[in-house]
Amino acid sequence: MDIIDMARASGLTVILDGRIGREQYQSVCGPVSALQRFAESLSQCAKDEREHDSACSRHQGAARLADYSSASGDSRK
């Protein structure tokens, strides 16, 4: 998730204030309605990541169980 791209897509303006070395300093401004869209987008993205992580965890758990069953000679799957 690139938070700067999400801000722009929500209608916020991202301004490069300056660079010091490799560090960038940016400001974000815009109407409250764009801030609301950004907050909703960020919330949805976080929810999607949690659901994806949860689905991956369930899948990995099932794979470990299948590996254990085949290694122990258990024919139930």
PDB file of N, CA and C in Angstrom:
ATOM      1  N   MET A   1       0.839  -1.161   0.000  1.00  0.00           N
ATOM      2  CA  MET A   1       0.000   0.000   0.000  1.00  0.00           C
ATOM      3  C   MET A   1       0.892   1.234   0.000  1.00  0.00           C
ATOM      4  N   ASP A   2       0.761   2.070  -0.986  1.00  0.00           N
ATOM      5  CA  ASP A   2       1.509   3.322  -1.054  1.00  0.00           C
ATOM      6  C   ASP A   2       0.593   4.442  -0.594  1.00  0.00           C
ATOM      7  N   ILE A   3       0.852   4.950   0.581  1.00  0.00           N
ATOM      8  CA  ILE A   3      -0.026   5.936   1.205  1.00  0.00           C
ATOM      9  C   ILE A   3      -0.084   7.244   0.409  1.00  0.00           C
ATOM     10  N   ILE A   4       1.000   7.613  -0.250  1.00  0.00           N
ATOM     11  CA  ILE A   4       1.014   8.842  -1.059  1.00  0.00           C
ATOM     12  C   ILE A   4       0.091   8.687  -2.264  1.00  0.00           C
ATOM     13  N   ASP A   5       0.142   7.536  -2.932  1.00  0.00           N
ATOM     14  CA  ASP A   5      -0.752   7.286  -4.061  1.00  0.00           C
ATOM     15  C   ASP A   5      -2.211   7.266  -3.604  1.00  0.00           C
ATOM     16  N   MET A   6      -2.453   6.678  -2.425  1.00  0.00           N
ATOM     17  CA  MET A   6      -3.818   6.649  -1.892  1.00  0.00           C
ATOM     18  C   MET A   6      -4.320   8.068  -1.612  1.00  0.00           C
ATOM     19  N   ALA A   7      -3.447   8.919  -1.094  1.00  0.00           N
ATOM     20  CA  ALA A   7      -3.830  10.301  -0.815  1.00  0.00           C
ATOM     21  C   ALA A   7      -4.194  11.024  -2.113  1.00  0.00           C
ATOM     22  N   ARG A   8      -3.365  10.852  -3.124  1.00  0.00           N
ATOM     23  CA  ARG A   8      -3.646  11.496  -4.418  1.00  0.00           C
ATOM     24  C   ARG A   8      -4.952  10.973  -5.026  1.00  0.00           C
ATOM     25  N   ALA A   9      -5.141   9.657  -4.975  1.00  0.00           N
ATOM     26  CA  ALA A   9      -6.351   9.048  -5.537  1.00  0.00           C
ATOM     27  C   ALA A   9      -7.605   9.524  -4.809  1.00  0.00           C
ATOM     28  N   SER A  10      -7.461   9.921  -3.555  1.00  0.00           N
ATOM     29  CA  SER A  10      -8.596  10.412  -2.774  1.00  0.00           C
ATOM     30  C   SER A  10      -8.904  11.875  -3.044  1.00  0.00           C
ATOM     31  N   GLY A  11      -8.037  12.540  -3.798  1.00  0.00           N
ATOM     32  CA  GLY A  11      -8.264  13.939  -4.131  1.00  0.00           C
ATOM     33  C   GLY A  11      -7.438  14.914  -3.316  1.00  0.00           C
ATOM     34  N   LEU A  12      -6.498  14.408  -2.536  1.00  0.00           N
ATOM     35  CA  LEU A  12      -5.620  15.277  -1.763  1.00  0.00           C
ATOM     36  C   LEU A  12      -4.430  15.696  -2.630  1.00  0.00           C
ATOM     37  N   THR A  13      -3.884  16.849  -2.350  1.00  0.00           N
ATOM     38  CA  THR A  13      -2.712  17.347  -3.050  1.00  0.00           C
ATOM     39  C   THR A  13      -1.488  17.042  -2.197  1.00  0.00           C
ATOM     40  N   VAL A  14      -0.498  16.418  -2.813  1.00  0.00           N
ATOM     41  CA  VAL A  14       0.747  16.084  -2.113  1.00  0.00           C
ATOM     42  C   VAL A  14       1.828  17.021  -2.639  1.00  0.00           C
ATOM     43  N   ILE A  15       2.457  17.748  -1.733  1.00  0.00           N
ATOM     44  CA  ILE A  15       3.460  18.747  -2.090  1.00  0.00           C
ATOM     45  C   ILE A  15       4.813  18.316  -1.530  1.00  0.00           C
ATOM     46  N   LEU A  16       5.827  18.330  -2.376  1.00  0.00           N
ATOM     47  CA  LEU A  16       7.177  18.047  -1.919  1.00  0.00           C
ATOM     48  C   LEU A  16       7.735  19.319  -1.303  1.00  0.00           C
ATOM     49  N   ASP A  17       7.946  19.291   0.005  1.00  0.00           N
ATOM     50  CA  ASP A  17       8.471  20.460   0.709  1.00  0.00           C
ATOM     51  C   ASP A  17       9.981  20.552   0.601  1.00  0.00           C
ATOM     52  N   GLY A  18      10.642  19.401   0.552  1.00  0.00           N
ATOM     53  CA  GLY A  18      12.094  19.439   0.442  1.00  0.00           C
ATOM     54  C   GLY A  18      12.706  18.073   0.634  1.00  0.00           C
ATOM     55  N   ARG A  19      13.995  18.042   0.372  1.00  0.00           N
ATOM     56  CA  ARG A  19      14.777  16.816   0.562  1.00  0.00           C
ATOM     57  C   ARG A  19      16.026  17.161   1.336  1.00  0.00           C
ATOM     58  N   ILE A  20      16.338  16.313   2.283  1.00  0.00           N
ATOM     59  CA  ILE A  20      17.605  16.421   3.009  1.00  0.00           C
ATOM     60  C   ILE A  20      18.217  15.027   2.944  1.00  0.00           C
ATOM     61  N   GLY A  21      19.281  14.905   2.177  1.00  0.00           N
ATOM     62  CA  GLY A  21      19.868  13.588   1.963  1.00  0.00           C
ATOM     63  C   GLY A  21      18.895  12.712   1.206  1.00  0.00           C
ATOM     64  N   ARG A  22      18.630  11.541   1.762  1.00  0.00           N
ATOM     65  CA  ARG A  22      17.674  10.642   1.114  1.00  0.00           C
ATOM     66  C   ARG A  22      16.269  10.803   1.673  1.00  0.00           C
ATOM     67  N   GLU A  23      16.093  11.638   2.665  1.00  0.00           N
ATOM     68  CA  GLU A  23      14.788  11.846   3.310  1.00  0.00           C
ATOM     69  C   GLU A  23      13.979  12.902   2.553  1.00  0.00           C
ATOM     70  N   GLN A  24      12.715  12.587   2.265  1.00  0.00           N
ATOM     71  CA  GLN A  24      11.799  13.534   1.616  1.00  0.00           C
ATOM     72  C   GLN A  24      10.805  14.042   2.643  1.00  0.00           C
ATOM     73  N   TYR A  25      10.492  15.309   2.558  1.00  0.00           N
ATOM     74  CA  TYR A  25       9.491  15.920   3.429  1.00  0.00           C
ATOM     75  C   TYR A  25       8.348  16.404   2.545  1.00  0.00           C
ATOM     76  N   GLN A  26       7.140  15.883   2.833  1.00  0.00           N
ATOM     77  CA  GLN A  26       5.982  16.204   2.008  1.00  0.00           C
ATOM     78  C   GLN A  26       4.834  16.670   2.877  1.00  0.00           C
ATOM     79  N   SER A  27       4.008  17.528   2.286  1.00  0.00           N
ATOM     80  CA  SER A  27       2.780  17.979   2.935  1.00  0.00           C
ATOM     81  C   SER A  27       1.600  17.504   2.111  1.00  0.00           C
ATOM     82  N   VAL A  28       0.490  17.293   2.773  1.00  0.00           N
ATOM     83  CA  VAL A  28      -0.736  16.877   2.108  1.00  0.00           C
ATOM     84  C   VAL A  28      -1.816  17.883   2.481  1.00  0.00           C
ATOM     85  N   CYS A  29      -2.558  18.351   1.477  1.00  0.00           N
ATOM     86  CA  CYS A  29      -3.641  19.282   1.772  1.00  0.00           C
ATOM     87  C   CYS A  29      -4.807  19.019   0.830  1.00  0.00           C
ATOM     88  N   GLY A  30      -5.973  19.477   1.265  1.00  0.00           N
ATOM     89  CA  GLY A  30      -7.157  19.294   0.447  1.00  0.00           C
ATOM     90  C   GLY A  30      -8.404  19.476   1.279  1.00  0.00           C
ATOM     91  N   PRO A  31      -9.557  19.311   0.657  1.00  0.00           N
ATOM     92  CA  PRO A  31     -10.823  19.480   1.373  1.00  0.00           C
ATOM     93  C   PRO A  31     -11.092  18.312   2.335  1.00  0.00           C
ATOM     94  N   VAL A  32     -11.942  18.573   3.294  1.00  0.00           N
ATOM     95  CA  VAL A  32     -12.301  17.556   4.282  1.00  0.00           C
ATOM     96  C   VAL A  32     -12.932  16.338   3.589  1.00  0.00           C
ATOM     97  N   SER A  33     -13.674  16.557   2.522  1.00  0.00           N
ATOM     98  CA  SER A  33     -14.290  15.430   1.809  1.00  0.00           C
ATOM     99  C   SER A  33     -13.217  14.494   1.246  1.00  0.00           C
ATOM    100  N   ALA A  34     -12.098  15.042   0.782  1.00  0.00           N
ATOM    101  CA  ALA A  34     -11.002  14.205   0.287  1.00  0.00           C
ATOM    102  C   ALA A  34     -10.341  13.464   1.443  1.00  0.00           C
ATOM    103  N   LEU A  35     -10.226  14.125   2.583  1.00  0.00           N
ATOM    104  CA  LEU A  35      -9.678  13.461   3.770  1.00  0.00           C
ATOM    105  C   LEU A  35     -10.570  12.296   4.186  1.00  0.00           C
ATOM    106  N   GLN A  36     -11.889  12.472   4.101  1.00  0.00           N
ATOM    107  CA  GLN A  36     -12.829  11.403   4.428  1.00  0.00           C
ATOM    108  C   GLN A  36     -12.661  10.229   3.466  1.00  0.00           C
ATOM    109  N   ARG A  37     -12.523  10.513   2.159  1.00  0.00           N
ATOM    110  CA  ARG A  37     -12.312   9.453   1.175  1.00  0.00           C
ATOM    111  C   ARG A  37     -11.008   8.711   1.460  1.00  0.00           C
ATOM    112  N   PHE A  38      -9.979   9.469   1.824  1.00  0.00           N
ATOM    113  CA  PHE A  38      -8.690   8.854   2.161  1.00  0.00           C
ATOM    114  C   PHE A  38      -8.830   7.929   3.368  1.00  0.00           C
ATOM    115  N   ALA A  39      -9.523   8.393   4.404  1.00  0.00           N
ATOM    116  CA  ALA A  39      -9.718   7.581   5.611  1.00  0.00           C
ATOM    117  C   ALA A  39     -10.491   6.304   5.278  1.00  0.00           C
ATOM    118  N   GLU A  40     -11.519   6.405   4.459  1.00  0.00           N
ATOM    119  CA  GLU A  40     -12.299   5.227   4.069  1.00  0.00           C
ATOM    120  C   GLU A  40     -11.449   4.263   3.239  1.00  0.00           C
ATOM    121  N   SER A  41     -10.642   4.800   2.346  1.00  0.00           N
ATOM    122  CA  SER A  41      -9.770   3.977   1.518  1.00  0.00           C
ATOM    123  C   SER A  41      -8.727   3.262   2.374  1.00  0.00           C
ATOM    124  N   LEU A  42      -8.150   3.980   3.310  1.00  0.00           N
ATOM    125  CA  LEU A  42      -7.150   3.390   4.205  1.00  0.00           C
ATOM    126  C   LEU A  42      -7.771   2.301   5.072  1.00  0.00           C
ATOM    127  N   SER A  43      -8.969   2.561   5.574  1.00  0.00           N
ATOM    128  CA  SER A  43      -9.669   1.583   6.391  1.00  0.00           C
ATOM    129  C   SER A  43      -9.974   0.316   5.590  1.00  0.00           C
ATOM    130  N   GLN A  44     -10.449   0.472   4.364  1.00  0.00           N
ATOM    131  CA  GLN A  44     -10.757  -0.676   3.515  1.00  0.00           C
ATOM    132  C   GLN A  44      -9.503  -1.466   3.185  1.00  0.00           C
ATOM    133  N   CYS A  45      -8.419  -0.767   2.912  1.00  0.00           N
ATOM    134  CA  CYS A  45      -7.158  -1.431   2.593  1.00  0.00           C
ATOM    135  C   CYS A  45      -6.667  -2.248   3.793  1.00  0.00           C
ATOM    136  N   ALA A  46      -6.755  -1.687   4.986  1.00  0.00           N
ATOM    137  CA  ALA A  46      -6.347  -2.403   6.197  1.00  0.00           C
ATOM    138  C   ALA A  46      -7.228  -3.634   6.411  1.00  0.00           C
ATOM    139  N   LYS A  47      -8.522  -3.483   6.180  1.00  0.00           N
ATOM    140  CA  LYS A  47      -9.445  -4.615   6.317  1.00  0.00           C
ATOM    141  C   LYS A  47      -9.104  -5.711   5.328  1.00  0.00           C
ATOM    142  N   ASP A  48      -8.834  -5.328   4.072  1.00  0.00           N
ATOM    143  CA  ASP A  48      -8.472  -6.302   3.041  1.00  0.00           C
ATOM    144  C   ASP A  48      -7.194  -7.045   3.411  1.00  0.00           C
ATOM    145  N   GLU A  49      -6.208  -6.321   3.957  1.00  0.00           N
ATOM    146  CA  GLU A  49      -4.959  -6.958   4.359  1.00  0.00           C
ATOM    147  C   GLU A  49      -5.185  -7.936   5.512  1.00  0.00           C
ATOM    148  N   ARG A  50      -6.021  -7.563   6.477  1.00  0.00           N
ATOM    149  CA  ARG A  50      -6.315  -8.470   7.599  1.00  0.00           C
ATOM    150  C   ARG A  50      -7.002  -9.732   7.094  1.00  0.00           C
ATOM    151  N   GLU A  51      -7.965  -9.578   6.184  1.00  0.00           N
ATOM    152  CA  GLU A  51      -8.673 -10.736   5.636  1.00  0.00           C
ATOM    153  C   GLU A  51      -7.716 -11.615   4.841  1.00  0.00           C
ATOM    154  N   HIS A  52      -6.819 -10.988   4.088  1.00  0.00           N
ATOM    155  CA  HIS A  52      -5.846 -11.742   3.296  1.00  0.00           C
ATOM    156  C   HIS A  52      -4.903 -12.493   4.229  1.00  0.00           C
ATOM    157  N   ASP A  53      -4.395 -11.818   5.270  1.00  0.00           N
ATOM    158  CA  ASP A  53      -3.501 -12.468   6.223  1.00  0.00           C
ATOM    159  C   ASP A  53      -4.207 -13.620   6.920  1.00  0.00           C
ATOM    160  N   SER A  54      -5.478 -13.431   7.281  1.00  0.00           N
ATOM    161  CA  SER A  54      -6.239 -14.466   7.953  1.00  0.00           C
ATOM    162  C   SER A  54      -6.436 -15.659   7.021  1.00  0.00           C
ATOM    163  N   ALA A  55      -6.759 -15.386   5.758  1.00  0.00           N
ATOM    164  CA  ALA A  55      -6.948 -16.463   4.791  1.00  0.00           C
ATOM    165  C   ALA A  55      -5.630 -17.203   4.572  1.00  0.00           C
ATOM    166  N   CYS A  56      -4.522 -16.477   4.515  1.00  0.00           N
ATOM    167  CA  CYS A  56      -3.213 -17.113   4.345  1.00  0.00           C
ATOM    168  C   CYS A  56      -2.890 -17.978   5.556  1.00  0.00           C
ATOM    169  N   SER A  57      -3.202 -17.491   6.742  1.00  0.00           N
ATOM    170  CA  SER A  57      -2.934 -18.264   7.958  1.00  0.00           C
ATOM    171  C   SER A  57      -3.736 -19.555   7.962  1.00  0.00           C
ATOM    172  N   ARG A  58      -5.013 -19.488   7.567  1.00  0.00           N
ATOM    173  CA  ARG A  58      -5.841 -20.695   7.516  1.00  0.00           C
ATOM    174  C   ARG A  58      -5.277 -21.680   6.497  1.00  0.00           C
ATOM    175  N   HIS A  59      -4.857 -21.164   5.342  1.00  0.00           N
ATOM    176  CA  HIS A  59      -4.310 -22.016   4.292  1.00  0.00           C
ATOM    177  C   HIS A  59      -3.013 -22.668   4.759  1.00  0.00           C
ATOM    178  N   GLN A  60      -2.136 -21.904   5.398  1.00  0.00           N
ATOM    179  CA  GLN A  60      -0.869 -22.446   5.874  1.00  0.00           C
ATOM    180  C   GLN A  60      -1.102 -23.479   6.968  1.00  0.00           C
ATOM    181  N   GLY A  61      -2.079 -23.230   7.842  1.00  0.00           N
ATOM    182  CA  GLY A  61      -2.398 -24.186   8.898  1.00  0.00           C
ATOM    183  C   GLY A  61      -2.888 -25.504   8.323  1.00  0.00           C
ATOM    184  N   ALA A  62      -3.732 -25.434   7.306  1.00  0.00           N
ATOM    185  CA  ALA A  62      -4.237 -26.651   6.659  1.00  0.00           C
ATOM    186  C   ALA A  62      -3.097 -27.395   5.963  1.00  0.00           C
ATOM    187  N   ALA A  63      -2.183 -26.649   5.351  1.00  0.00           N
ATOM    188  CA  ALA A  63      -1.042 -27.280   4.671  1.00  0.00           C
ATOM    189  C   ALA A  63      -0.140 -27.977   5.680  1.00  0.00           C
ATOM    190  N   ARG A  64       0.092 -27.342   6.838  1.00  0.00           N
ATOM    191  CA  ARG A  64       0.923 -27.968   7.873  1.00  0.00           C
ATOM    192  C   ARG A  64       0.260 -29.237   8.391  1.00  0.00           C
ATOM    193  N   LEU A  65      -1.060 -29.213   8.567  1.00  0.00           N
ATOM    194  CA  LEU A  65      -1.785 -30.387   9.031  1.00  0.00           C
ATOM    195  C   LEU A  65      -1.671 -31.516   8.010  1.00  0.00           C
ATOM    196  N   ALA A  66      -1.811 -31.196   6.739  1.00  0.00           N
ATOM    197  CA  ALA A  66      -1.692 -32.209   5.688  1.00  0.00           C
ATOM    198  C   ALA A  66      -0.281 -32.785   5.665  1.00  0.00           C
ATOM    199  N   ASP A  67       0.735 -31.926   5.822  1.00  0.00           N
ATOM    200  CA  ASP A  67       2.117 -32.399   5.857  1.00  0.00           C
ATOM    201  C   ASP A  67       2.338 -33.329   7.044  1.00  0.00           C
ATOM    202  N   TYR A  68       1.817 -32.954   8.193  1.00  0.00           N
ATOM    203  CA  TYR A  68       1.959 -33.769   9.402  1.00  0.00           C
ATOM    204  C   TYR A  68       1.270 -35.121   9.223  1.00  0.00           C
ATOM    205  N   SER A  69       0.069 -35.094   8.636  1.00  0.00           N
ATOM    206  CA  SER A  69      -0.690 -36.330   8.444  1.00  0.00           C
ATOM    207  C   SER A  69       0.044 -37.284   7.527  1.00  0.00           C
ATOM    208  N   SER A  70       0.605 -36.765   6.423  1.00  0.00           N
ATOM    209  CA  SER A  70       1.303 -37.651   5.498  1.00  0.00           C
ATOM    210  C   SER A  70       2.629 -38.142   6.088  1.00  0.00           C
ATOM    211  N   ALA A  71       3.296 -37.316   6.890  1.00  0.00           N
ATOM    212  CA  ALA A  71       4.558 -37.712   7.487  1.00  0.00           C
ATOM    213  C   ALA A  71       4.359 -38.757   8.584  1.00  0.00           C
ATOM    214  N   SER A  72       3.213 -38.678   9.274  1.00  0.00           N
ATOM    215  CA  SER A  72       2.980 -39.613  10.359  1.00  0.00           C
ATOM    216  C   SER A  72       2.273 -40.888   9.896  1.00  0.00           C
ATOM    217  N   GLY A  73       1.990 -40.970   8.594  1.00  0.00           N
ATOM    218  CA  GLY A  73       1.344 -42.156   8.070  1.00  0.00           C
ATOM    219  C   GLY A  73      -0.161 -42.139   8.248  1.00  0.00           C
ATOM    220  N   ASP A  74      -0.722 -41.024   8.664  1.00  0.00           N
ATOM    221  CA  ASP A  74      -2.167 -40.895   8.860  1.00  0.00           C
ATOM    222  C   ASP A  74      -2.804 -40.746   7.480  1.00  0.00           C
ATOM    223  N   SER A  75      -3.668 -41.657   7.114  1.00  0.00           N
ATOM    224  CA  SER A  75      -4.289 -41.614   5.790  1.00  0.00           C
ATOM    225  C   SER A  75      -5.533 -40.749   5.761  1.00  0.00           C
ATOM    226  N   ARG A  76      -5.984 -40.226   6.917  1.00  0.00           N
ATOM    227  CA  ARG A  76      -7.169 -39.347   6.926  1.00  0.00           C
ATOM    228  C   ARG A  76      -6.760 -37.963   6.456  1.00  0.00           C
ATOM    229  N   LYS A  77      -7.500 -37.413   5.515  1.00  0.00           N
ATOM    230  CA  LYS A  77      -7.199 -36.069   5.017  1.00  0.00           C
ATOM    231  C   LYS A  77      -8.462 -35.313   4.830  1.00  0.00           C
TER     232      LYS A  77
END
